Amino acid sequence: MTTKQRAFLRSLAMTLKPIFQIGKNGISDNQISDISDALEALELIKINVLRNNEDEITDMANEIANKTDSQLVQVIGNKITLYKKSEKAKKHVL
């Protein structure tokens, strides 16, 4: 992903609201499955990491991106933004 593509996705993500929350128990296999399904449907999603989570957010974001086969767009504060090109619902053209 180029810098311009990442900047374009960041601008789109500004208006998005987080659709998933990760709490103190960390990431479960069910959450990974749900996030993967959401990425297929929406392509660009935002995840909120609650403050009671003790894991490092960037490590968690990289783990989610690897497990869902997606691209990490950005991590700001306790928000993670992910992108994955969808085969069915192509909403964003890079």
PDB file of N, CA and C in Angstrom:
ATOM      1  N   MET A   1       0.845  -1.171   0.000  1.00  0.00           N
ATOM      2  CA  MET A   1       0.000   0.000   0.000  1.00  0.00           C
ATOM      3  C   MET A   1       0.894   1.238   0.000  1.00  0.00           C
ATOM      4  N   THR A   2       0.598   2.158  -0.899  1.00  0.00           N
ATOM      5  CA  THR A   2       1.411   3.365  -0.996  1.00  0.00           C
ATOM      6  C   THR A   2       0.988   4.381   0.062  1.00  0.00           C
ATOM      7  N   THR A   3       1.780   5.405   0.206  1.00  0.00           N
ATOM      8  CA  THR A   3       1.493   6.449   1.178  1.00  0.00           C
ATOM      9  C   THR A   3       0.213   7.196   0.805  1.00  0.00           C
ATOM     10  N   LYS A   4       0.015   7.443  -0.486  1.00  0.00           N
ATOM     11  CA  LYS A   4      -1.196   8.142  -0.921  1.00  0.00           C
ATOM     12  C   LYS A   4      -2.443   7.303  -0.681  1.00  0.00           C
ATOM     13  N   GLN A   5      -2.340   6.007  -0.901  1.00  0.00           N
ATOM     14  CA  GLN A   5      -3.477   5.130  -0.643  1.00  0.00           C
ATOM     15  C   GLN A   5      -3.814   5.099   0.839  1.00  0.00           C
ATOM     16  N   ARG A   6      -2.770   5.040   1.663  1.00  0.00           N
ATOM     17  CA  ARG A   6      -2.980   5.033   3.119  1.00  0.00           C
ATOM     18  C   ARG A   6      -3.621   6.350   3.569  1.00  0.00           C
ATOM     19  N   ALA A   7      -3.159   7.469   3.009  1.00  0.00           N
ATOM     20  CA  ALA A   7      -3.726   8.773   3.357  1.00  0.00           C
ATOM     21  C   ALA A   7      -5.197   8.857   2.930  1.00  0.00           C
ATOM     22  N   PHE A   8      -5.521   8.302   1.765  1.00  0.00           N
ATOM     23  CA  PHE A   8      -6.906   8.280   1.292  1.00  0.00           C
ATOM     24  C   PHE A   8      -7.779   7.473   2.247  1.00  0.00           C
ATOM     25  N   LEU A   9      -7.305   6.305   2.664  1.00  0.00           N
ATOM     26  CA  LEU A   9      -8.065   5.473   3.594  1.00  0.00           C
ATOM     27  C   LEU A   9      -8.210   6.142   4.961  1.00  0.00           C
ATOM     28  N   ARG A  10      -7.170   6.834   5.407  1.00  0.00           N
ATOM     29  CA  ARG A  10      -7.254   7.546   6.686  1.00  0.00           C
ATOM     30  C   ARG A  10      -8.321   8.630   6.620  1.00  0.00           C
ATOM     31  N   SER A  11      -8.405   9.316   5.482  1.00  0.00           N
ATOM     32  CA  SER A  11      -9.420  10.366   5.348  1.00  0.00           C
ATOM     33  C   SER A  11     -10.828   9.763   5.355  1.00  0.00           C
ATOM     34  N   LEU A  12     -11.003   8.606   4.748  1.00  0.00           N
ATOM     35  CA  LEU A  12     -12.306   7.938   4.780  1.00  0.00           C
ATOM     36  C   LEU A  12     -12.645   7.454   6.184  1.00  0.00           C
ATOM     37  N   ALA A  13     -11.645   7.028   6.914  1.00  0.00           N
ATOM     38  CA  ALA A  13     -11.862   6.454   8.251  1.00  0.00           C
ATOM     39  C   ALA A  13     -12.217   7.504   9.294  1.00  0.00           C
ATOM     40  N   MET A  14     -11.952   8.764   9.004  1.00  0.00           N
ATOM     41  CA  MET A  14     -12.243   9.813   9.984  1.00  0.00           C
ATOM     42  C   MET A  14     -13.726   9.851  10.351  1.00  0.00           C
ATOM     43  N   THR A  15     -14.591   9.528   9.410  1.00  0.00           N
ATOM     44  CA  THR A  15     -16.023   9.602   9.672  1.00  0.00           C
ATOM     45  C   THR A  15     -16.607   8.289  10.199  1.00  0.00           C
ATOM     46  N   LEU A  16     -15.810   7.233  10.196  1.00  0.00           N
ATOM     47  CA  LEU A  16     -16.287   5.929  10.661  1.00  0.00           C
ATOM     48  C   LEU A  16     -16.355   5.874  12.181  1.00  0.00           C
ATOM     49  N   LYS A  17     -17.312   5.095  12.659  1.00  0.00           N
ATOM     50  CA  LYS A  17     -17.381   4.811  14.088  1.00  0.00           C
ATOM     51  C   LYS A  17     -16.902   3.386  14.295  1.00  0.00           C
ATOM     52  N   PRO A  18     -16.254   3.113  15.421  1.00  0.00           N
ATOM     53  CA  PRO A  18     -15.785   1.751  15.685  1.00  0.00           C
ATOM     54  C   PRO A  18     -16.948   0.764  15.741  1.00  0.00           C
ATOM     55  N   ILE A  19     -16.762  -0.396  15.113  1.00  0.00           N
ATOM     56  CA  ILE A  19     -17.825  -1.401  15.119  1.00  0.00           C
ATOM     57  C   ILE A  19     -17.476  -2.593  16.004  1.00  0.00           C
ATOM     58  N   PHE A  20     -16.248  -2.632  16.514  1.00  0.00           N
ATOM     59  CA  PHE A  20     -15.830  -3.696  17.433  1.00  0.00           C
ATOM     60  C   PHE A  20     -15.126  -3.077  18.625  1.00  0.00           C
ATOM     61  N   GLN A  21     -15.211  -3.770  19.767  1.00  0.00           N
ATOM     62  CA  GLN A  21     -14.483  -3.381  20.968  1.00  0.00           C
ATOM     63  C   GLN A  21     -13.680  -4.574  21.454  1.00  0.00           C
ATOM     64  N   ILE A  22     -12.468  -4.284  21.877  1.00  0.00           N
ATOM     65  CA  ILE A  22     -11.616  -5.313  22.461  1.00  0.00           C
ATOM     66  C   ILE A  22     -11.406  -4.946  23.917  1.00  0.00           C
ATOM     67  N   GLY A  23     -11.797  -5.828  24.799  1.00  0.00           N
ATOM     68  CA  GLY A  23     -11.736  -5.561  26.225  1.00  0.00           C
ATOM     69  C   GLY A  23     -10.491  -6.134  26.878  1.00  0.00           C
ATOM     70  N   LYS A  24     -10.571  -6.314  28.194  1.00  0.00           N
ATOM     71  CA  LYS A  24      -9.408  -6.739  28.965  1.00  0.00           C
ATOM     72  C   LYS A  24      -8.998  -8.173  28.686  1.00  0.00           C
ATOM     73  N   ASN A  25      -9.902  -8.983  28.118  1.00  0.00           N
ATOM     74  CA  ASN A  25      -9.563 -10.371  27.814  1.00  0.00           C
ATOM     75  C   ASN A  25      -8.787 -10.526  26.512  1.00  0.00           C
ATOM     76  N   GLY A  26      -8.616  -9.454  25.778  1.00  0.00           N
ATOM     77  CA  GLY A  26      -7.844  -9.524  24.536  1.00  0.00           C
ATOM     78  C   GLY A  26      -8.686  -9.997  23.367  1.00  0.00           C
ATOM     79  N   ILE A  27      -8.014 -10.562  22.378  1.00  0.00           N
ATOM     80  CA  ILE A  27      -8.654 -10.958  21.134  1.00  0.00           C
ATOM     81  C   ILE A  27      -8.997 -12.443  21.182  1.00  0.00           C
ATOM     82  N   SER A  28     -10.241 -12.755  20.871  1.00  0.00           N
ATOM     83  CA  SER A  28     -10.656 -14.160  20.818  1.00  0.00           C
ATOM     84  C   SER A  28     -10.767 -14.596  19.353  1.00  0.00           C
ATOM     85  N   ASP A  29     -10.847 -15.904  19.145  1.00  0.00           N
ATOM     86  CA  ASP A  29     -10.998 -16.434  17.792  1.00  0.00           C
ATOM     87  C   ASP A  29     -12.329 -16.010  17.179  1.00  0.00           C
ATOM     88  N   ASN A  30     -13.364 -15.888  18.005  1.00  0.00           N
ATOM     89  CA  ASN A  30     -14.659 -15.424  17.504  1.00  0.00           C
ATOM     90  C   ASN A  30     -14.581 -13.986  17.012  1.00  0.00           C
ATOM     91  N   GLN A  31     -13.852 -13.145  17.741  1.00  0.00           N
ATOM     92  CA  GLN A  31     -13.689 -11.761  17.304  1.00  0.00           C
ATOM     93  C   GLN A  31     -12.926 -11.694  15.990  1.00  0.00           C
ATOM     94  N   ILE A  32     -11.890 -12.506  15.846  1.00  0.00           N
ATOM     95  CA  ILE A  32     -11.121 -12.528  14.591  1.00  0.00           C
ATOM     96  C   ILE A  32     -12.032 -12.919  13.437  1.00  0.00           C
ATOM     97  N   SER A  33     -12.875 -13.909  13.653  1.00  0.00           N
ATOM     98  CA  SER A  33     -13.817 -14.346  12.621  1.00  0.00           C
ATOM     99  C   SER A  33     -14.807 -13.235  12.271  1.00  0.00           C
ATOM    100  N   ASP A  34     -15.343 -12.562  13.288  1.00  0.00           N
ATOM    101  CA  ASP A  34     -16.290 -11.471  13.059  1.00  0.00           C
ATOM    102  C   ASP A  34     -15.628 -10.294  12.350  1.00  0.00           C
ATOM    103  N   ILE A  35     -14.399  -9.974  12.741  1.00  0.00           N
ATOM    104  CA  ILE A  35     -13.670  -8.877  12.103  1.00  0.00           C
ATOM    105  C   ILE A  35     -13.392  -9.209  10.647  1.00  0.00           C
ATOM    106  N   SER A  36     -13.026 -10.445  10.383  1.00  0.00           N
ATOM    107  CA  SER A  36     -12.780 -10.872   9.007  1.00  0.00           C
ATOM    108  C   SER A  36     -14.045 -10.764   8.155  1.00  0.00           C
ATOM    109  N   ASP A  37     -15.175 -11.169   8.713  1.00  0.00           N
ATOM    110  CA  ASP A  37     -16.448 -11.044   7.999  1.00  0.00           C
ATOM    111  C   ASP A  37     -16.802  -9.582   7.732  1.00  0.00           C
ATOM    112  N   ALA A  38     -16.571  -8.727   8.723  1.00  0.00           N
ATOM    113  CA  ALA A  38     -16.866  -7.299   8.557  1.00  0.00           C
ATOM    114  C   ALA A  38     -15.960  -6.670   7.507  1.00  0.00           C
ATOM    115  N   LEU A  39     -14.698  -7.086   7.472  1.00  0.00           N
ATOM    116  CA  LEU A  39     -13.783  -6.570   6.459  1.00  0.00           C
ATOM    117  C   LEU A  39     -14.223  -6.983   5.057  1.00  0.00           C
ATOM    118  N   GLU A  40     -14.741  -8.185   4.927  1.00  0.00           N
ATOM    119  CA  GLU A  40     -15.230  -8.649   3.626  1.00  0.00           C
ATOM    120  C   GLU A  40     -16.441  -7.823   3.177  1.00  0.00           C
ATOM    121  N   ALA A  41     -17.287  -7.463   4.127  1.00  0.00           N
ATOM    122  CA  ALA A  41     -18.494  -6.713   3.791  1.00  0.00           C
ATOM    123  C   ALA A  41     -18.243  -5.214   3.613  1.00  0.00           C
ATOM    124  N   LEU A  42     -17.359  -4.642   4.436  1.00  0.00           N
ATOM    125  CA  LEU A  42     -17.188  -3.189   4.465  1.00  0.00           C
ATOM    126  C   LEU A  42     -15.855  -2.685   3.907  1.00  0.00           C
ATOM    127  N   GLU A  43     -14.857  -3.518   3.864  1.00  0.00           N
ATOM    128  CA  GLU A  43     -13.487  -3.211   3.420  1.00  0.00           C
ATOM    129  C   GLU A  43     -12.693  -2.348   4.405  1.00  0.00           C
ATOM    130  N   LEU A  44     -13.302  -1.364   5.003  1.00  0.00           N
ATOM    131  CA  LEU A  44     -12.603  -0.458   5.909  1.00  0.00           C
ATOM    132  C   LEU A  44     -13.361  -0.407   7.231  1.00  0.00           C
ATOM    133  N   ILE A  45     -12.684  -0.790   8.329  1.00  0.00           N
ATOM    134  CA  ILE A  45     -13.352  -0.796   9.630  1.00  0.00           C
ATOM    135  C   ILE A  45     -12.463  -0.159  10.689  1.00  0.00           C
ATOM    136  N   LYS A  46     -13.116   0.234  11.769  1.00  0.00           N
ATOM    137  CA  LYS A  46     -12.425   0.807  12.912  1.00  0.00           C
ATOM    138  C   LYS A  46     -12.747  -0.043  14.134  1.00  0.00           C
ATOM    139  N   ILE A  47     -11.742  -0.266  14.973  1.00  0.00           N
ATOM    140  CA  ILE A  47     -11.883  -1.081  16.179  1.00  0.00           C
ATOM    141  C   ILE A  47     -11.466  -0.237  17.381  1.00  0.00           C
ATOM    142  N   ASN A  48     -12.245  -0.302  18.447  1.00  0.00           N
ATOM    143  CA  ASN A  48     -11.936   0.420  19.668  1.00  0.00           C
ATOM    144  C   ASN A  48     -11.339  -0.555  20.686  1.00  0.00           C
ATOM    145  N   VAL A  49     -10.203  -0.189  21.269  1.00  0.00           N
ATOM    146  CA  VAL A  49      -9.581  -0.992  22.316  1.00  0.00           C
ATOM    147  C   VAL A  49      -9.855  -0.287  23.640  1.00  0.00           C
ATOM    148  N   LEU A  50     -10.538  -0.984  24.536  1.00  0.00           N
ATOM    149  CA  LEU A  50     -10.897  -0.389  25.819  1.00  0.00           C
ATOM    150  C   LEU A  50      -9.659  -0.123  26.667  1.00  0.00           C
ATOM    151  N   ARG A  51      -9.763   0.827  27.537  1.00  0.00           N
ATOM    152  CA  ARG A  51      -8.607   1.240  28.348  1.00  0.00           C
ATOM    153  C   ARG A  51      -8.194   0.212  29.387  1.00  0.00           C
ATOM    154  N   ASN A  52      -9.088  -0.713  29.722  1.00  0.00           N
ATOM    155  CA  ASN A  52      -8.724  -1.731  30.709  1.00  0.00           C
ATOM    156  C   ASN A  52      -7.908  -2.864  30.088  1.00  0.00           C
ATOM    157  N   ASN A  53      -7.666  -2.820  28.793  1.00  0.00           N
ATOM    158  CA  ASN A  53      -6.831  -3.801  28.124  1.00  0.00           C
ATOM    159  C   ASN A  53      -5.364  -3.455  28.390  1.00  0.00           C
ATOM    160  N   GLU A  54      -4.591  -4.419  28.821  1.00  0.00           N
ATOM    161  CA  GLU A  54      -3.214  -4.166  29.212  1.00  0.00           C
ATOM    162  C   GLU A  54      -2.209  -4.434  28.093  1.00  0.00           C
ATOM    163  N   ASP A  55      -2.673  -4.975  26.962  1.00  0.00           N
ATOM    164  CA  ASP A  55      -1.774  -5.275  25.850  1.00  0.00           C
ATOM    165  C   ASP A  55      -1.393  -4.001  25.105  1.00  0.00           C
ATOM    166  N   GLU A  56      -0.255  -4.041  24.431  1.00  0.00           N
ATOM    167  CA  GLU A  56       0.187  -2.927  23.600  1.00  0.00           C
ATOM    168  C   GLU A  56      -0.704  -2.865  22.361  1.00  0.00           C
ATOM    169  N   ILE A  57      -1.250  -1.693  22.077  1.00  0.00           N
ATOM    170  CA  ILE A  57      -2.236  -1.569  21.000  1.00  0.00           C
ATOM    171  C   ILE A  57      -1.620  -1.828  19.630  1.00  0.00           C
ATOM    172  N   THR A  58      -0.406  -1.371  19.390  1.00  0.00           N
ATOM    173  CA  THR A  58       0.201  -1.597  18.076  1.00  0.00           C
ATOM    174  C   THR A  58       0.481  -3.079  17.844  1.00  0.00           C
ATOM    175  N   ASP A  59       0.897  -3.791  18.882  1.00  0.00           N
ATOM    176  CA  ASP A  59       1.108  -5.233  18.750  1.00  0.00           C
ATOM    177  C   ASP A  59      -0.205  -5.949  18.467  1.00  0.00           C
ATOM    178  N   MET A  60      -1.252  -5.523  19.171  1.00  0.00           N
ATOM    179  CA  MET A  60      -2.563  -6.108  18.963  1.00  0.00           C
ATOM    180  C   MET A  60      -3.066  -5.815  17.545  1.00  0.00           C
ATOM    181  N   ALA A  61      -2.854  -4.604  17.064  1.00  0.00           N
ATOM    182  CA  ALA A  61      -3.291  -4.232  15.719  1.00  0.00           C
ATOM    183  C   ALA A  61      -2.571  -5.072  14.663  1.00  0.00           C
ATOM    184  N   ASN A  62      -1.274  -5.269  14.846  1.00  0.00           N
ATOM    185  CA  ASN A  62      -0.516  -6.094  13.901  1.00  0.00           C
ATOM    186  C   ASN A  62      -0.980  -7.550  13.939  1.00  0.00           C
ATOM    187  N   GLU A  63      -1.304  -8.041  15.122  1.00  0.00           N
ATOM    188  CA  GLU A  63      -1.791  -9.414  15.256  1.00  0.00           C
ATOM    189  C   GLU A  63      -3.135  -9.597  14.543  1.00  0.00           C
ATOM    190  N   ILE A  64      -4.041  -8.625  14.737  1.00  0.00           N
ATOM    191  CA  ILE A  64      -5.343  -8.698  14.069  1.00  0.00           C
ATOM    192  C   ILE A  64      -5.170  -8.628  12.562  1.00  0.00           C
ATOM    193  N   ALA A  65      -4.311  -7.736  12.096  1.00  0.00           N
ATOM    194  CA  ALA A  65      -4.078  -7.594  10.657  1.00  0.00           C
ATOM    195  C   ALA A  65      -3.515  -8.886  10.064  1.00  0.00           C
ATOM    196  N   ASN A  66      -2.600  -9.520  10.779  1.00  0.00           N
ATOM    197  CA  ASN A  66      -2.032 -10.777  10.287  1.00  0.00           C
ATOM    198  C   ASN A  66      -3.064 -11.898  10.255  1.00  0.00           C
ATOM    199  N   LYS A  67      -3.856 -12.002  11.304  1.00  0.00           N
ATOM    200  CA  LYS A  67      -4.835 -13.089  11.390  1.00  0.00           C
ATOM    201  C   LYS A  67      -6.002 -12.914  10.424  1.00  0.00           C
ATOM    202  N   THR A  68      -6.338 -11.662  10.089  1.00  0.00           N
ATOM    203  CA  THR A  68      -7.449 -11.416   9.166  1.00  0.00           C
ATOM    204  C   THR A  68      -6.957 -11.191   7.743  1.00  0.00           C
ATOM    205  N   ASP A  69      -5.653 -11.224   7.546  1.00  0.00           N
ATOM    206  CA  ASP A  69      -5.061 -11.026   6.224  1.00  0.00           C
ATOM    207  C   ASP A  69      -5.432  -9.651   5.659  1.00  0.00           C
ATOM    208  N   SER A  70      -5.396  -8.638   6.530  1.00  0.00           N
ATOM    209  CA  SER A  70      -5.750  -7.277   6.136  1.00  0.00           C
ATOM    210  C   SER A  70      -4.555  -6.356   6.302  1.00  0.00           C
ATOM    211  N   GLN A  71      -4.746  -5.087   5.951  1.00  0.00           N
ATOM    212  CA  GLN A  71      -3.688  -4.092   6.053  1.00  0.00           C
ATOM    213  C   GLN A  71      -4.012  -3.128   7.188  1.00  0.00           C
ATOM    214  N   LEU A  72      -3.012  -2.843   7.995  1.00  0.00           N
ATOM    215  CA  LEU A  72      -3.169  -1.878   9.072  1.00  0.00           C
ATOM    216  C   LEU A  72      -3.039  -0.483   8.470  1.00  0.00           C
ATOM    217  N   VAL A  73      -4.094   0.309   8.591  1.00  0.00           N
ATOM    218  CA  VAL A  73      -4.079   1.662   8.039  1.00  0.00           C
ATOM    219  C   VAL A  73      -3.477   2.620   9.052  1.00  0.00           C
ATOM    220  N   GLN A  74      -3.990   2.571  10.284  1.00  0.00           N
ATOM    221  CA  GLN A  74      -3.460   3.458  11.314  1.00  0.00           C
ATOM    222  C   GLN A  74      -3.879   3.008  12.703  1.00  0.00           C
ATOM    223  N   VAL A  75      -3.114   3.477  13.679  1.00  0.00           N
ATOM    224  CA  VAL A  75      -3.459   3.316  15.088  1.00  0.00           C
ATOM    225  C   VAL A  75      -3.354   4.702  15.699  1.00  0.00           C
ATOM    226  N   ILE A  76      -4.473   5.204  16.184  1.00  0.00           N
ATOM    227  CA  ILE A  76      -4.480   6.508  16.847  1.00  0.00           C
ATOM    228  C   ILE A  76      -5.130   6.327  18.206  1.00  0.00           C
ATOM    229  N   GLY A  77      -4.382   6.615  19.249  1.00  0.00           N
ATOM    230  CA  GLY A  77      -4.914   6.452  20.600  1.00  0.00           C
ATOM    231  C   GLY A  77      -5.304   5.017  20.846  1.00  0.00           C
ATOM    232  N   ASN A  78      -6.583   4.790  21.077  1.00  0.00           N
ATOM    233  CA  ASN A  78      -7.063   3.425  21.310  1.00  0.00           C
ATOM    234  C   ASN A  78      -7.941   2.935  20.158  1.00  0.00           C
ATOM    235  N   LYS A  79      -7.760   3.510  18.970  1.00  0.00           N
ATOM    236  CA  LYS A  79      -8.522   3.124  17.782  1.00  0.00           C
ATOM    237  C   LYS A  79      -7.600   2.496  16.738  1.00  0.00           C
ATOM    238  N   ILE A  80      -8.059   1.389  16.165  1.00  0.00           N
ATOM    239  CA  ILE A  80      -7.323   0.674  15.117  1.00  0.00           C
ATOM    240  C   ILE A  80      -8.161   0.736  13.848  1.00  0.00           C
ATOM    241  N   THR A  81      -7.526   1.073  12.726  1.00  0.00           N
ATOM    242  CA  THR A  81      -8.214   1.101  11.446  1.00  0.00           C
ATOM    243  C   THR A  81      -7.580   0.062  10.531  1.00  0.00           C
ATOM    244  N   LEU A  82      -8.425  -0.810   9.954  1.00  0.00           N
ATOM    245  CA  LEU A  82      -7.961  -1.885   9.085  1.00  0.00           C
ATOM    246  C   LEU A  82      -8.644  -1.807   7.727  1.00  0.00           C
ATOM    247  N   TYR A  83      -7.939  -2.277   6.692  1.00  0.00           N
ATOM    248  CA  TYR A  83      -8.486  -2.325   5.340  1.00  0.00           C
ATOM    249  C   TYR A  83      -8.160  -3.675   4.715  1.00  0.00           C
ATOM    250  N   LYS A  84      -9.147  -4.210   4.018  1.00  0.00           N
ATOM    251  CA  LYS A  84      -8.939  -5.424   3.251  1.00  0.00           C
ATOM    252  C   LYS A  84      -9.789  -5.338   1.994  1.00  0.00           C
ATOM    253  N   LYS A  85      -9.163  -5.499   0.849  1.00  0.00           N
ATOM    254  CA  LYS A  85      -9.889  -5.433  -0.408  1.00  0.00           C
ATOM    255  C   LYS A  85     -10.862  -6.602  -0.483  1.00  0.00           C
ATOM    256  N   SER A  86     -12.114  -6.285  -0.728  1.00  0.00           N
ATOM    257  CA  SER A  86     -13.166  -7.296  -0.778  1.00  0.00           C
ATOM    258  C   SER A  86     -13.341  -7.809  -2.199  1.00  0.00           C
ATOM    259  N   GLU A  87     -13.614  -9.086  -2.305  1.00  0.00           N
ATOM    260  CA  GLU A  87     -13.871  -9.689  -3.621  1.00  0.00           C
ATOM    261  C   GLU A  87     -15.325  -9.469  -4.035  1.00  0.00           C
ATOM    262  N   LYS A  88     -16.219  -9.384  -3.062  1.00  0.00           N
ATOM    263  CA  LYS A  88     -17.645  -9.270  -3.351  1.00  0.00           C
ATOM    264  C   LYS A  88     -18.126  -7.824  -3.340  1.00  0.00           C
ATOM    265  N   ALA A  89     -17.835  -7.111  -2.275  1.00  0.00           N
ATOM    266  CA  ALA A  89     -18.369  -5.754  -2.095  1.00  0.00           C
ATOM    267  C   ALA A  89     -17.249  -4.735  -2.254  1.00  0.00           C
ATOM    268  N   LYS A  90     -16.934  -4.379  -3.473  1.00  0.00           N
ATOM    269  CA  LYS A  90     -15.857  -3.421  -3.715  1.00  0.00           C
ATOM    270  C   LYS A  90     -16.408  -2.011  -3.529  1.00  0.00           C
ATOM    271  N   LYS A  91     -16.091  -1.428  -2.378  1.00  0.00           N
ATOM    272  CA  LYS A  91     -16.605  -0.102  -2.046  1.00  0.00           C
ATOM    273  C   LYS A  91     -15.581   1.000  -2.262  1.00  0.00           C
ATOM    274  N   HIS A  92     -14.298   0.679  -2.048  1.00  0.00           N
ATOM    275  CA  HIS A  92     -13.250   1.697  -2.133  1.00  0.00           C
ATOM    276  C   HIS A  92     -12.259   1.290  -3.213  1.00  0.00           C
ATOM    277  N   VAL A  93     -12.022   2.193  -4.146  1.00  0.00           N
ATOM    278  CA  VAL A  93     -11.067   1.938  -5.221  1.00  0.00           C
ATOM    279  C   VAL A  93      -9.789   2.690  -4.893  1.00  0.00           C
ATOM    280  N   LEU A  94      -8.710   1.951  -4.763  1.00  0.00           N
ATOM    281  CA  LEU A  94      -7.423   2.576  -4.460  1.00  0.00           C
ATOM    282  C   LEU A  94      -6.645   2.854  -5.717  1.00  0.00           C
TER     283      LEU A  94
END
